[in-house]
Amino acid sequence: MESIINEEKTKELLTEILIEMMQSKREIFYEIVLEALEEIGLANAIIEGRQNEFVSEEEIFSILDSEVE
C-alpha cells in the first residue's frame, strides 16, 4: 500500500523533525547558527571595507614577507 503525503503534511512533518532535532542537539545547532552569523558578519565587513581595487596576491605576500624580516 502506497502512502501519498501532501505538501502541507510534508511541511508539518519536516517542521516537527527540525524542532525535535534542535531540542535534542541544541549545542550543534547553536554552533551552526553562530558560524553562519560569523560568516555573514565577515562578508558584511568585507563589503563595507572594500574601497579600492583588489590587491594582487603577490603584493600581499611581499608586504607580509617584508614585515617578517
C-alpha atoms as a PDB file:
ATOM      1  CA  MET A   1       0.000   0.000   0.000  1.00  0.00           C
ATOM      2  CA  GLU A   2       1.407   3.371  -1.009  1.00  0.00           C
ATOM      3  CA  SER A   3       1.110   6.419   1.173  1.00  0.00           C
ATOM      4  CA  ILE A   4       0.662   9.748  -0.510  1.00  0.00           C
ATOM      5  CA  ILE A   5       1.663  12.699   1.640  1.00  0.00           C
ATOM      6  CA  ASN A   6       0.552  16.101   0.504  1.00  0.00           C
ATOM      7  CA  GLU A   7       2.747  19.181   0.613  1.00  0.00           C
ATOM      8  CA  GLU A   8       1.163  20.534   3.804  1.00  0.00           C
ATOM      9  CA  LYS A   9       1.686  17.260   5.696  1.00  0.00           C
ATOM     10  CA  THR A  10       5.283  17.061   4.462  1.00  0.00           C
ATOM     11  CA  LYS A  11       5.967  20.596   5.666  1.00  0.00           C
ATOM     12  CA  GLU A  12       4.391  19.806   9.037  1.00  0.00           C
ATOM     13  CA  LEU A  13       6.474  16.635   9.451  1.00  0.00           C
ATOM     14  CA  LEU A  14       9.694  18.414   8.499  1.00  0.00           C
ATOM     15  CA  THR A  15       8.940  21.180  10.973  1.00  0.00           C
ATOM     16  CA  GLU A  16       8.385  18.653  13.744  1.00  0.00           C
ATOM     17  CA  ILE A  17      11.616  16.849  12.878  1.00  0.00           C
ATOM     18  CA  LEU A  18      13.624  20.079  12.866  1.00  0.00           C
ATOM     19  CA  ILE A  19      12.173  21.188  16.195  1.00  0.00           C
ATOM     20  CA  GLU A  20      12.916  17.814  17.763  1.00  0.00           C
ATOM     21  CA  MET A  21      16.472  17.854  16.425  1.00  0.00           C
ATOM     22  CA  MET A  22      17.021  21.402  17.656  1.00  0.00           C
ATOM     23  CA  GLN A  23      15.837  20.468  21.109  1.00  0.00           C
ATOM     24  CA  SER A  24      17.853  17.257  21.370  1.00  0.00           C
ATOM     25  CA  LYS A  25      21.007  18.558  19.652  1.00  0.00           C
ATOM     26  CA  ARG A  26      20.956  22.119  20.921  1.00  0.00           C
ATOM     27  CA  GLU A  27      24.741  22.554  21.010  1.00  0.00           C
ATOM     28  CA  ILE A  28      25.184  21.505  17.384  1.00  0.00           C
ATOM     29  CA  PHE A  29      22.503  23.901  16.153  1.00  0.00           C
ATOM     30  CA  TYR A  30      23.958  26.683  18.303  1.00  0.00           C
ATOM     31  CA  GLU A  31      27.342  26.176  16.637  1.00  0.00           C
ATOM     32  CA  ILE A  32      25.785  26.107  13.160  1.00  0.00           C
ATOM     33  CA  VAL A  33      23.871  29.337  13.753  1.00  0.00           C
ATOM     34  CA  LEU A  34      26.892  31.012  15.348  1.00  0.00           C
ATOM     35  CA  GLU A  35      29.110  30.019  12.414  1.00  0.00           C
ATOM     36  CA  ALA A  36      26.543  31.345   9.933  1.00  0.00           C
ATOM     37  CA  LEU A  37      26.319  34.672  11.779  1.00  0.00           C
ATOM     38  CA  GLU A  38      30.111  34.984  11.834  1.00  0.00           C
ATOM     39  CA  GLU A  39      30.258  34.341   8.092  1.00  0.00           C
ATOM     40  CA  ILE A  40      27.587  36.977   7.457  1.00  0.00           C
ATOM     41  CA  GLY A  41      29.463  39.446   9.648  1.00  0.00           C
ATOM     42  CA  LEU A  42      32.710  38.764   7.809  1.00  0.00           C
ATOM     43  CA  ALA A  43      31.023  39.178   4.423  1.00  0.00           C
ATOM     44  CA  ASN A  44      29.474  42.483   5.525  1.00  0.00           C
ATOM     45  CA  ALA A  45      32.822  43.718   6.868  1.00  0.00           C
ATOM     46  CA  ILE A  46      34.496  42.868   3.566  1.00  0.00           C
ATOM     47  CA  ILE A  47      31.805  44.694   1.599  1.00  0.00           C
ATOM     48  CA  GLU A  48      31.992  47.772   3.865  1.00  0.00           C
ATOM     49  CA  GLY A  49      35.779  47.830   3.926  1.00  0.00           C
ATOM     50  CA  ARG A  50      36.307  47.469   0.213  1.00  0.00           C
ATOM     51  CA  GLN A  51      37.090  50.903  -1.161  1.00  0.00           C
ATOM     52  CA  ASN A  52      39.641  50.309  -3.903  1.00  0.00           C
ATOM     53  CA  GLU A  53      40.541  47.698  -6.477  1.00  0.00           C
ATOM     54  CA  PHE A  54      41.602  44.267  -5.300  1.00  0.00           C
ATOM     55  CA  VAL A  55      45.232  43.822  -4.343  1.00  0.00           C
ATOM     56  CA  SER A  56      47.180  41.030  -6.013  1.00  0.00           C
ATOM     57  CA  GLU A  57      48.312  38.030  -4.032  1.00  0.00           C
ATOM     58  CA  GLU A  58      51.948  38.863  -4.835  1.00  0.00           C
ATOM     59  CA  GLU A  59      51.591  42.336  -3.287  1.00  0.00           C
ATOM     60  CA  ILE A  60      50.109  40.881  -0.107  1.00  0.00           C
ATOM     61  CA  PHE A  61      52.878  38.298   0.258  1.00  0.00           C
ATOM     62  CA  SER A  62      55.595  40.863  -0.417  1.00  0.00           C
ATOM     63  CA  ILE A  63      54.180  43.093   2.345  1.00  0.00           C
ATOM     64  CA  LEU A  64      53.935  40.159   4.750  1.00  0.00           C
ATOM     65  CA  ASP A  65      57.444  38.988   3.875  1.00  0.00           C
ATOM     66  CA  SER A  66      58.892  42.471   4.453  1.00  0.00           C
ATOM     67  CA  GLU A  67      57.254  42.659   7.890  1.00  0.00           C
ATOM     68  CA  VAL A  68      58.722  39.305   8.925  1.00  0.00           C
ATOM     69  CA  GLU A  69      62.296  40.352   8.063  1.00  0.00           C
END
